N, C-alpha and C. Protein backbone atom coordinates (compact mmCIF):
# COMPACT_ATOMS: atom_id res chain seq x y z
N UNK A 1 89.39 123.26 90.65
CA UNK A 1 90.67 122.54 90.78
C UNK A 1 90.79 121.95 92.18
N UNK A 2 90.99 120.64 92.26
CA UNK A 2 91.09 120.00 93.58
C UNK A 2 92.44 120.37 94.21
N UNK A 3 92.41 120.69 95.48
CA UNK A 3 93.68 121.02 96.13
C UNK A 3 94.18 119.83 96.93
N UNK A 4 95.33 120.04 97.58
CA UNK A 4 95.98 118.95 98.31
C UNK A 4 95.18 118.46 99.50
N UNK A 5 94.23 119.28 99.96
CA UNK A 5 93.49 118.92 101.17
C UNK A 5 92.15 118.23 100.89
N UNK A 6 91.80 118.09 99.61
CA UNK A 6 90.54 117.42 99.29
C UNK A 6 90.65 115.95 99.68
N UNK A 7 89.73 115.43 100.52
CA UNK A 7 89.83 114.02 100.92
C UNK A 7 89.69 113.08 99.72
N UNK A 8 90.33 111.92 99.82
CA UNK A 8 90.25 110.92 98.74
C UNK A 8 88.80 110.61 98.37
N UNK A 9 87.98 110.40 99.40
CA UNK A 9 86.58 110.00 99.16
C UNK A 9 85.85 111.03 98.29
N UNK A 10 86.14 112.32 98.52
CA UNK A 10 85.49 113.38 97.74
C UNK A 10 86.02 113.39 96.31
N UNK A 11 87.33 113.16 96.14
CA UNK A 11 87.91 113.09 94.80
C UNK A 11 87.31 111.92 94.01
N UNK A 12 87.13 110.78 94.69
CA UNK A 12 86.51 109.61 94.05
C UNK A 12 85.10 109.97 93.59
N UNK A 13 84.35 110.62 94.48
CA UNK A 13 82.96 111.03 94.17
C UNK A 13 82.96 111.98 92.96
N UNK A 14 83.87 112.96 92.97
CA UNK A 14 83.96 113.93 91.87
C UNK A 14 84.29 113.24 90.55
N UNK A 15 85.20 112.25 90.60
CA UNK A 15 85.58 111.53 89.39
C UNK A 15 84.39 110.74 88.84
N UNK A 16 83.71 110.04 89.73
CA UNK A 16 82.54 109.24 89.32
C UNK A 16 81.48 110.15 88.69
N UNK A 17 81.40 111.39 89.18
CA UNK A 17 80.43 112.35 88.65
C UNK A 17 80.92 113.05 87.38
N UNK A 18 82.09 112.65 86.87
CA UNK A 18 82.54 113.17 85.58
C UNK A 18 83.73 114.11 85.60
N UNK A 19 84.29 114.38 86.77
CA UNK A 19 85.45 115.27 86.84
C UNK A 19 86.74 114.46 86.66
N UNK A 20 87.24 114.42 85.41
CA UNK A 20 88.42 113.60 85.08
C UNK A 20 89.65 114.03 85.87
N UNK A 21 89.78 115.33 86.15
CA UNK A 21 90.96 115.86 86.86
C UNK A 21 91.08 115.27 88.27
N UNK A 22 89.95 114.88 88.85
CA UNK A 22 89.97 114.33 90.21
C UNK A 22 90.80 113.05 90.27
N UNK A 23 90.72 112.23 89.21
CA UNK A 23 91.51 110.99 89.19
C UNK A 23 93.00 111.30 89.08
N UNK A 24 93.33 112.29 88.26
CA UNK A 24 94.75 112.68 88.11
C UNK A 24 95.32 113.10 89.47
N UNK A 25 94.51 113.82 90.26
CA UNK A 25 94.95 114.24 91.59
C UNK A 25 95.18 113.03 92.49
N UNK A 26 94.25 112.07 92.44
CA UNK A 26 94.39 110.85 93.24
C UNK A 26 95.65 110.07 92.86
N UNK A 27 95.90 109.96 91.56
CA UNK A 27 97.08 109.21 91.09
C UNK A 27 98.35 109.91 91.56
N UNK A 28 98.40 111.24 91.35
CA UNK A 28 99.59 112.00 91.78
C UNK A 28 99.84 111.85 93.28
N UNK A 29 98.74 111.87 94.04
CA UNK A 29 98.84 111.82 95.50
C UNK A 29 99.43 110.48 95.97
N UNK A 30 99.08 109.39 95.31
CA UNK A 30 99.45 108.06 95.82
C UNK A 30 100.45 107.29 94.96
N UNK A 31 100.86 107.87 93.80
CA UNK A 31 101.64 107.05 92.88
C UNK A 31 102.96 106.56 93.45
N UNK A 32 103.66 107.38 94.27
CA UNK A 32 104.97 106.93 94.75
C UNK A 32 104.82 105.75 95.71
N UNK A 33 103.78 105.79 96.54
CA UNK A 33 103.57 104.69 97.48
C UNK A 33 103.15 103.41 96.74
N UNK A 34 102.24 103.56 95.78
CA UNK A 34 101.74 102.38 95.04
C UNK A 34 102.85 101.80 94.16
N UNK A 35 103.54 102.69 93.41
CA UNK A 35 104.62 102.21 92.54
C UNK A 35 105.74 101.59 93.38
N UNK A 36 106.06 102.24 94.51
CA UNK A 36 107.12 101.72 95.39
C UNK A 36 106.79 100.33 95.90
N UNK A 37 105.51 100.12 96.24
CA UNK A 37 105.07 98.80 96.70
C UNK A 37 105.24 97.76 95.59
N UNK A 38 104.78 98.11 94.37
CA UNK A 38 104.87 97.18 93.24
C UNK A 38 106.34 96.86 92.95
N UNK A 39 107.17 97.90 92.90
CA UNK A 39 108.58 97.70 92.55
C UNK A 39 109.30 96.86 93.61
N UNK A 40 108.90 97.02 94.88
CA UNK A 40 109.55 96.25 95.95
C UNK A 40 109.29 94.76 95.80
N UNK A 41 108.19 94.40 95.12
CA UNK A 41 107.86 92.99 94.90
C UNK A 41 108.47 92.47 93.59
N UNK A 42 108.53 93.33 92.58
CA UNK A 42 108.87 92.89 91.22
C UNK A 42 110.35 93.14 90.91
N UNK A 43 110.86 94.29 91.36
CA UNK A 43 112.27 94.69 91.11
C UNK A 43 112.62 94.74 89.61
N UNK A 44 111.63 95.09 88.79
CA UNK A 44 111.86 95.28 87.36
C UNK A 44 111.01 96.49 86.94
N UNK A 45 111.68 97.53 86.44
CA UNK A 45 110.97 98.78 86.19
C UNK A 45 109.87 98.65 85.14
N UNK A 46 110.17 97.93 84.04
CA UNK A 46 109.17 97.81 82.96
C UNK A 46 107.92 97.07 83.44
N UNK A 47 108.14 95.93 84.13
CA UNK A 47 107.00 95.14 84.61
C UNK A 47 106.24 95.93 85.68
N UNK A 48 106.99 96.64 86.54
CA UNK A 48 106.34 97.45 87.58
C UNK A 48 105.47 98.54 86.95
N UNK A 49 105.99 99.17 85.89
CA UNK A 49 105.19 100.19 85.18
C UNK A 49 103.92 99.59 84.60
N UNK A 50 104.05 98.39 84.01
CA UNK A 50 102.88 97.71 83.43
C UNK A 50 101.84 97.44 84.50
N UNK A 51 102.29 96.90 85.65
CA UNK A 51 101.35 96.57 86.72
C UNK A 51 100.73 97.84 87.29
N UNK A 52 101.53 98.91 87.39
CA UNK A 52 101.00 100.19 87.87
C UNK A 52 99.88 100.67 86.94
N UNK A 53 100.15 100.61 85.61
CA UNK A 53 99.13 101.01 84.62
C UNK A 53 97.88 100.14 84.74
N UNK A 54 98.10 98.81 84.83
CA UNK A 54 96.97 97.87 84.93
C UNK A 54 96.14 98.13 86.19
N UNK A 55 96.84 98.50 87.27
CA UNK A 55 96.14 98.81 88.53
C UNK A 55 95.15 99.94 88.29
N UNK A 56 95.61 101.00 87.62
CA UNK A 56 94.73 102.15 87.44
C UNK A 56 93.68 101.93 86.35
N UNK A 57 93.96 101.04 85.41
CA UNK A 57 92.92 100.66 84.43
C UNK A 57 91.77 99.99 85.19
N UNK A 58 92.15 99.10 86.13
CA UNK A 58 91.15 98.39 86.94
C UNK A 58 90.40 99.38 87.85
N UNK A 59 91.12 100.33 88.42
CA UNK A 59 90.51 101.36 89.27
C UNK A 59 89.47 102.14 88.45
N UNK A 60 89.87 102.57 87.25
CA UNK A 60 88.98 103.36 86.39
C UNK A 60 87.74 102.55 86.02
N UNK A 61 87.94 101.27 85.62
CA UNK A 61 86.80 100.41 85.26
C UNK A 61 85.83 100.27 86.43
N UNK A 62 86.39 100.06 87.63
CA UNK A 62 85.54 99.87 88.81
C UNK A 62 84.77 101.15 89.13
N UNK A 63 85.47 102.28 89.08
CA UNK A 63 84.82 103.56 89.41
C UNK A 63 83.78 103.92 88.35
N UNK A 64 84.13 103.73 87.08
CA UNK A 64 83.19 104.05 85.98
C UNK A 64 81.98 103.11 86.02
N UNK A 65 82.20 101.89 86.49
CA UNK A 65 81.12 100.92 86.54
C UNK A 65 80.29 101.06 87.81
N UNK A 66 80.59 102.10 88.61
CA UNK A 66 79.86 102.36 89.86
C UNK A 66 79.87 101.18 90.83
N UNK A 67 80.96 100.37 90.80
CA UNK A 67 80.99 99.23 91.72
C UNK A 67 81.99 99.44 92.85
N UNK A 68 82.41 100.68 93.05
CA UNK A 68 83.33 100.99 94.15
C UNK A 68 82.49 101.29 95.39
N UNK A 69 82.81 100.59 96.51
CA UNK A 69 82.01 100.84 97.71
C UNK A 69 82.87 100.91 98.97
N UNK A 70 84.14 101.31 98.80
CA UNK A 70 85.04 101.35 99.95
C UNK A 70 85.23 102.80 100.38
N UNK A 71 84.18 103.45 100.70
CA UNK A 71 84.20 104.87 101.04
C UNK A 71 85.30 105.21 102.04
N UNK A 72 86.16 106.16 101.64
CA UNK A 72 87.18 106.65 102.57
C UNK A 72 88.40 105.77 102.69
N UNK A 73 88.43 104.63 101.94
CA UNK A 73 89.59 103.74 102.04
C UNK A 73 90.19 103.52 100.66
N UNK A 74 90.42 104.59 99.94
CA UNK A 74 90.87 104.50 98.56
C UNK A 74 92.24 103.82 98.44
N UNK A 75 93.24 104.28 99.22
CA UNK A 75 94.60 103.75 99.07
C UNK A 75 94.69 102.25 99.38
N UNK A 76 94.18 101.77 100.53
CA UNK A 76 94.24 100.32 100.78
C UNK A 76 93.55 99.50 99.68
N UNK A 77 92.46 100.05 99.14
CA UNK A 77 91.74 99.36 98.06
C UNK A 77 92.62 99.25 96.82
N UNK A 78 93.28 100.35 96.44
CA UNK A 78 94.16 100.33 95.26
C UNK A 78 95.36 99.41 95.51
N UNK A 79 95.89 99.44 96.74
CA UNK A 79 97.03 98.56 97.08
C UNK A 79 96.62 97.09 96.96
N UNK A 80 95.38 96.78 97.34
CA UNK A 80 94.90 95.39 97.22
C UNK A 80 94.81 94.98 95.75
N UNK A 81 94.35 95.92 94.90
CA UNK A 81 94.27 95.65 93.46
C UNK A 81 95.68 95.36 92.92
N UNK A 82 96.65 96.21 93.27
CA UNK A 82 98.00 96.02 92.76
C UNK A 82 98.60 94.72 93.31
N UNK A 83 98.31 94.43 94.57
CA UNK A 83 98.79 93.19 95.20
C UNK A 83 98.26 91.98 94.43
N UNK A 84 96.96 91.99 94.08
CA UNK A 84 96.37 90.88 93.32
C UNK A 84 96.97 90.75 91.93
N UNK A 85 97.27 91.89 91.30
CA UNK A 85 97.89 91.86 89.97
C UNK A 85 99.31 91.30 90.04
N UNK A 86 100.03 91.61 91.13
CA UNK A 86 101.38 91.08 91.33
C UNK A 86 101.31 89.55 91.47
N UNK A 87 100.35 89.08 92.29
CA UNK A 87 100.17 87.64 92.48
C UNK A 87 99.86 86.98 91.13
N UNK A 88 98.96 87.60 90.34
CA UNK A 88 98.62 87.08 89.00
C UNK A 88 99.87 86.99 88.12
N UNK A 89 100.70 88.03 88.19
CA UNK A 89 101.93 88.08 87.38
C UNK A 89 102.82 86.89 87.71
N UNK A 90 103.00 86.62 89.01
CA UNK A 90 103.87 85.51 89.40
C UNK A 90 103.25 84.15 89.06
N UNK A 91 101.92 84.09 89.12
CA UNK A 91 101.25 82.84 88.73
C UNK A 91 101.49 82.56 87.24
N UNK A 92 101.37 83.63 86.44
CA UNK A 92 101.54 83.48 84.99
C UNK A 92 102.97 83.11 84.64
N UNK A 93 103.93 83.75 85.29
CA UNK A 93 105.34 83.51 84.94
C UNK A 93 105.90 82.30 85.68
N UNK A 94 105.12 81.78 86.63
CA UNK A 94 105.53 80.61 87.44
C UNK A 94 106.85 80.86 88.16
N UNK A 95 107.12 82.13 88.45
CA UNK A 95 108.36 82.45 89.15
C UNK A 95 108.03 83.03 90.51
N UNK A 96 108.80 82.68 91.49
CA UNK A 96 108.61 83.31 92.79
C UNK A 96 109.46 84.58 92.81
N UNK A 97 108.97 85.61 93.50
CA UNK A 97 109.72 86.87 93.49
C UNK A 97 111.09 86.75 94.12
N UNK A 98 112.02 87.45 93.52
CA UNK A 98 113.32 87.63 94.19
C UNK A 98 113.10 88.79 95.14
N UNK A 99 113.58 88.67 96.33
CA UNK A 99 113.36 89.76 97.28
C UNK A 99 114.30 90.90 96.97
N UNK A 100 113.79 92.09 97.07
CA UNK A 100 114.60 93.26 96.79
C UNK A 100 115.59 93.43 97.93
N UNK A 101 116.86 93.35 97.60
CA UNK A 101 117.88 93.39 98.64
C UNK A 101 118.49 94.78 98.67
N UNK A 102 118.29 95.50 99.72
CA UNK A 102 118.92 96.81 99.86
C UNK A 102 119.62 96.84 101.20
N UNK A 103 120.49 97.81 101.36
CA UNK A 103 121.20 97.92 102.63
C UNK A 103 120.22 98.00 103.80
N UNK A 104 119.17 98.82 103.64
CA UNK A 104 118.25 99.05 104.76
C UNK A 104 117.50 97.77 105.14
N UNK A 105 117.13 96.97 104.14
CA UNK A 105 116.24 95.86 104.44
C UNK A 105 116.95 94.52 104.55
N UNK A 106 118.28 94.53 104.44
CA UNK A 106 118.98 93.27 104.59
C UNK A 106 118.75 92.74 106.00
N UNK A 107 118.45 91.47 106.07
CA UNK A 107 118.13 90.87 107.36
C UNK A 107 119.35 90.90 108.28
N UNK A 108 120.55 91.03 107.68
CA UNK A 108 121.76 91.06 108.49
C UNK A 108 122.31 92.48 108.67
N UNK A 109 121.52 93.49 108.28
CA UNK A 109 122.06 94.85 108.34
C UNK A 109 122.46 95.23 109.75
N UNK A 110 121.76 94.66 110.75
CA UNK A 110 122.11 94.98 112.14
C UNK A 110 123.47 94.40 112.51
N UNK A 111 123.91 93.39 111.73
CA UNK A 111 125.21 92.78 112.02
C UNK A 111 126.31 93.40 111.18
N UNK A 112 125.94 94.25 110.20
CA UNK A 112 126.94 94.72 109.25
C UNK A 112 127.99 95.56 109.97
N UNK A 113 129.20 95.38 109.53
CA UNK A 113 130.33 96.02 110.18
C UNK A 113 131.38 96.25 109.10
N UNK A 114 131.92 97.46 109.04
CA UNK A 114 132.91 97.77 108.01
C UNK A 114 134.12 96.85 108.09
N UNK A 115 134.36 96.30 109.28
CA UNK A 115 135.56 95.48 109.45
C UNK A 115 135.31 94.02 109.08
N UNK A 116 134.12 93.70 108.52
CA UNK A 116 133.86 92.32 108.10
C UNK A 116 134.89 91.92 107.05
N UNK A 117 135.53 90.81 107.25
CA UNK A 117 136.50 90.33 106.26
C UNK A 117 135.76 89.88 105.02
N UNK A 118 136.47 89.73 103.91
CA UNK A 118 135.85 89.25 102.67
C UNK A 118 135.24 87.87 102.92
N UNK A 119 135.98 87.03 103.65
CA UNK A 119 135.49 85.69 103.96
C UNK A 119 134.21 85.78 104.80
N UNK A 120 134.24 86.65 105.80
CA UNK A 120 133.06 86.85 106.66
C UNK A 120 131.87 87.33 105.86
N UNK A 121 132.14 88.25 104.90
CA UNK A 121 131.08 88.79 104.05
C UNK A 121 130.48 87.67 103.19
N UNK A 122 131.34 86.79 102.67
CA UNK A 122 130.87 85.68 101.84
C UNK A 122 129.98 84.74 102.65
N UNK A 123 130.35 84.51 103.91
CA UNK A 123 129.54 83.64 104.77
C UNK A 123 128.17 84.26 105.01
N UNK A 124 128.17 85.57 105.32
CA UNK A 124 126.90 86.27 105.56
C UNK A 124 126.03 86.21 104.30
N UNK A 125 126.65 86.47 103.13
CA UNK A 125 125.90 86.42 101.86
C UNK A 125 125.31 85.03 101.64
N UNK A 126 126.10 83.99 101.94
CA UNK A 126 125.64 82.61 101.74
C UNK A 126 124.46 82.30 102.67
N UNK A 127 124.58 82.75 103.93
CA UNK A 127 123.50 82.49 104.90
C UNK A 127 122.23 83.21 104.44
N UNK A 128 122.38 84.45 103.93
CA UNK A 128 121.20 85.19 103.43
C UNK A 128 120.55 84.42 102.29
N UNK A 129 121.39 83.90 101.39
CA UNK A 129 120.89 83.14 100.25
C UNK A 129 120.16 81.88 100.73
N UNK A 130 120.79 81.17 101.69
CA UNK A 130 120.17 79.98 102.25
C UNK A 130 118.84 80.31 102.91
N UNK A 131 118.81 81.44 103.63
CA UNK A 131 117.60 81.83 104.34
C UNK A 131 116.46 82.11 103.36
N UNK A 132 116.80 82.77 102.24
CA UNK A 132 115.76 83.05 101.23
C UNK A 132 115.20 81.75 100.66
N UNK A 133 116.08 80.75 100.46
CA UNK A 133 115.62 79.45 99.96
C UNK A 133 114.68 78.80 100.98
N UNK A 134 115.02 78.94 102.26
CA UNK A 134 114.19 78.35 103.32
C UNK A 134 112.83 79.04 103.39
N UNK A 135 112.83 80.37 103.21
CA UNK A 135 111.58 81.14 103.24
C UNK A 135 110.63 80.63 102.16
N UNK A 136 111.22 80.21 101.01
CA UNK A 136 110.40 79.69 99.90
C UNK A 136 109.59 78.45 100.31
N UNK A 137 110.06 77.73 101.35
CA UNK A 137 109.37 76.51 101.77
C UNK A 137 108.15 76.78 102.65
N UNK A 138 107.98 78.03 103.08
CA UNK A 138 106.83 78.37 103.94
C UNK A 138 105.54 78.37 103.13
N UNK A 139 104.40 78.12 103.80
CA UNK A 139 103.11 78.28 103.10
C UNK A 139 102.98 79.71 102.57
N UNK A 140 102.29 79.87 101.45
CA UNK A 140 102.20 81.15 100.74
C UNK A 140 101.79 82.31 101.64
N UNK A 141 100.73 82.12 102.46
CA UNK A 141 100.23 83.24 103.27
C UNK A 141 101.24 83.66 104.34
N UNK A 142 101.97 82.68 104.91
CA UNK A 142 102.98 83.00 105.92
C UNK A 142 104.18 83.69 105.28
N UNK A 143 104.58 83.18 104.11
CA UNK A 143 105.74 83.75 103.40
C UNK A 143 105.47 85.21 103.04
N UNK A 144 104.25 85.48 102.57
CA UNK A 144 103.88 86.83 102.15
C UNK A 144 104.04 87.83 103.30
N UNK A 145 103.52 87.48 104.48
CA UNK A 145 103.60 88.38 105.64
C UNK A 145 105.06 88.56 106.07
N UNK A 146 105.82 87.47 106.10
CA UNK A 146 107.22 87.53 106.52
C UNK A 146 108.02 88.44 105.59
N UNK A 147 107.80 88.30 104.27
CA UNK A 147 108.53 89.11 103.29
C UNK A 147 108.15 90.59 103.43
N UNK A 148 106.85 90.87 103.56
CA UNK A 148 106.41 92.26 103.70
C UNK A 148 107.02 92.90 104.95
N UNK A 149 107.08 92.11 106.03
CA UNK A 149 107.55 92.65 107.30
C UNK A 149 109.08 92.79 107.32
N UNK A 150 109.78 91.72 106.92
CA UNK A 150 111.24 91.71 107.08
C UNK A 150 111.99 92.34 105.92
N UNK A 151 111.49 92.14 104.70
CA UNK A 151 112.22 92.64 103.54
C UNK A 151 111.69 93.98 103.04
N UNK A 152 110.41 94.27 103.34
CA UNK A 152 109.84 95.52 102.86
C UNK A 152 109.52 96.48 103.99
N UNK A 153 109.82 96.07 105.22
CA UNK A 153 109.73 96.94 106.38
C UNK A 153 108.34 97.56 106.57
N UNK A 154 107.29 96.77 106.28
CA UNK A 154 105.92 97.29 106.42
C UNK A 154 105.41 97.06 107.84
N UNK A 155 104.51 97.93 108.27
CA UNK A 155 103.88 97.73 109.57
C UNK A 155 102.80 96.66 109.42
N UNK A 156 102.37 96.08 110.56
CA UNK A 156 101.31 95.07 110.49
C UNK A 156 100.00 95.71 110.04
N UNK A 157 99.83 97.00 110.30
CA UNK A 157 98.62 97.71 109.84
C UNK A 157 98.62 97.75 108.30
N UNK A 158 99.79 98.11 107.71
CA UNK A 158 99.88 98.15 106.24
C UNK A 158 99.69 96.75 105.66
N UNK A 159 100.30 95.75 106.29
CA UNK A 159 100.17 94.36 105.80
C UNK A 159 98.70 93.94 105.80
N UNK A 160 98.00 94.27 106.90
CA UNK A 160 96.59 93.85 107.01
C UNK A 160 95.74 94.56 105.95
N UNK A 161 96.04 95.84 105.67
CA UNK A 161 95.26 96.59 104.66
C UNK A 161 95.50 96.02 103.26
N UNK A 162 96.76 95.70 102.95
CA UNK A 162 97.09 95.24 101.60
C UNK A 162 96.60 93.82 101.36
N UNK A 163 96.74 92.95 102.36
CA UNK A 163 96.34 91.55 102.15
C UNK A 163 94.87 91.33 102.44
N UNK A 164 94.21 92.33 103.07
CA UNK A 164 92.77 92.22 103.33
C UNK A 164 92.44 91.29 104.49
N UNK A 165 93.41 91.09 105.41
CA UNK A 165 93.12 90.30 106.62
C UNK A 165 93.27 91.19 107.84
N UNK A 166 92.78 90.74 109.00
CA UNK A 166 92.89 91.55 110.21
C UNK A 166 94.34 91.60 110.68
N UNK A 167 94.64 92.61 111.50
CA UNK A 167 96.00 92.73 112.05
C UNK A 167 96.35 91.47 112.84
N UNK A 168 95.38 90.94 113.61
CA UNK A 168 95.63 89.72 114.40
C UNK A 168 95.99 88.54 113.51
N UNK A 169 95.29 88.43 112.37
CA UNK A 169 95.59 87.33 111.44
C UNK A 169 97.01 87.50 110.88
N UNK A 170 97.36 88.75 110.51
CA UNK A 170 98.71 89.02 109.98
C UNK A 170 99.77 88.68 111.04
N UNK A 171 99.52 89.07 112.29
CA UNK A 171 100.45 88.76 113.39
C UNK A 171 100.57 87.24 113.57
N UNK A 172 99.43 86.56 113.52
CA UNK A 172 99.41 85.10 113.66
C UNK A 172 100.23 84.43 112.57
N UNK A 173 100.06 84.92 111.32
CA UNK A 173 100.80 84.33 110.20
C UNK A 173 102.30 84.54 110.36
N UNK A 174 102.66 85.73 110.89
CA UNK A 174 104.08 86.02 111.11
C UNK A 174 104.64 85.07 112.18
N UNK A 175 103.85 84.87 113.24
CA UNK A 175 104.29 83.99 114.34
C UNK A 175 104.50 82.55 113.80
N UNK A 176 103.50 82.06 113.03
CA UNK A 176 103.62 80.71 112.46
C UNK A 176 104.78 80.62 111.47
N UNK A 177 104.99 81.72 110.71
CA UNK A 177 106.09 81.73 109.74
C UNK A 177 107.43 81.54 110.46
N UNK A 178 107.61 82.27 111.57
CA UNK A 178 108.87 82.18 112.32
C UNK A 178 109.03 80.80 112.96
N UNK A 179 107.92 80.26 113.49
CA UNK A 179 107.98 78.91 114.08
C UNK A 179 108.35 77.87 113.01
N UNK A 180 107.70 77.98 111.85
CA UNK A 180 107.97 77.03 110.77
C UNK A 180 109.38 77.18 110.23
N UNK A 181 109.85 78.43 110.18
CA UNK A 181 111.21 78.69 109.71
C UNK A 181 112.22 78.00 110.62
N UNK A 182 111.96 78.06 111.93
CA UNK A 182 112.85 77.38 112.88
C UNK A 182 112.87 75.87 112.61
N UNK A 183 111.66 75.31 112.37
CA UNK A 183 111.58 73.86 112.09
C UNK A 183 112.34 73.52 110.80
N UNK A 184 112.16 74.38 109.78
CA UNK A 184 112.83 74.14 108.50
C UNK A 184 114.35 74.22 108.68
N UNK A 185 114.80 75.20 109.46
CA UNK A 185 116.24 75.36 109.72
C UNK A 185 116.78 74.12 110.43
N UNK A 186 116.01 73.63 111.43
CA UNK A 186 116.42 72.41 112.14
C UNK A 186 116.52 71.24 111.16
N UNK A 187 115.50 71.17 110.27
CA UNK A 187 115.45 70.07 109.30
C UNK A 187 116.68 70.11 108.38
N UNK A 188 117.05 71.32 107.97
CA UNK A 188 118.21 71.46 107.08
C UNK A 188 119.52 71.49 107.85
N UNK A 189 119.39 71.52 109.17
CA UNK A 189 120.57 71.60 110.06
C UNK A 189 121.48 72.76 109.67
N UNK A 190 120.84 73.92 109.47
CA UNK A 190 121.62 75.11 109.15
C UNK A 190 121.83 75.88 110.42
N UNK A 191 123.04 76.25 110.70
CA UNK A 191 123.34 77.01 111.91
C UNK A 191 123.52 78.46 111.50
N UNK A 192 122.64 79.32 112.04
CA UNK A 192 122.70 80.73 111.66
C UNK A 192 123.60 81.52 112.58
N UNK A 193 123.95 80.94 113.72
CA UNK A 193 124.81 81.68 114.64
C UNK A 193 126.17 81.00 114.69
N UNK A 194 127.15 81.72 115.17
CA UNK A 194 128.52 81.15 115.25
C UNK A 194 128.55 80.02 116.27
């Protein structure tokens, strides 16, 4: 029986060698992080469950086919698979993701104040809505990094692992995204400050 301290790489090796329980341990160990990532992009439980299942079907096929070669990097590899399946889902449905809006990840949460008037709250909500529309105008790679960083609160290390680019590339995309966002805001003549 594999315990909590068995490294991922060893569990992968055990599974490839025929120990089915090793995969169950890997799934249990990482399911909340992987499912949480999928749900943060999709915001629909049924579709998220489907993509989660598809992710592990792909993991099983790859491991059974002996084509896994990412020794010691199991989680980033699985996250990349789920990330690609999410992209495929949006390509198929031709819909861009709605960003998951929570208190913690609201871009204006630092401005939130219990004394905000209803009118003030409506203005903030409108600006958030406008900002999301503007983000849609960014190139795909820049938008992806900006959303992961600002709406999903991921570190640049996590972003680089999931998207499969270097941390410097992820940082560069974020920098260009912010520069382009400023240009887009100027173009739309939207004033975000009082």
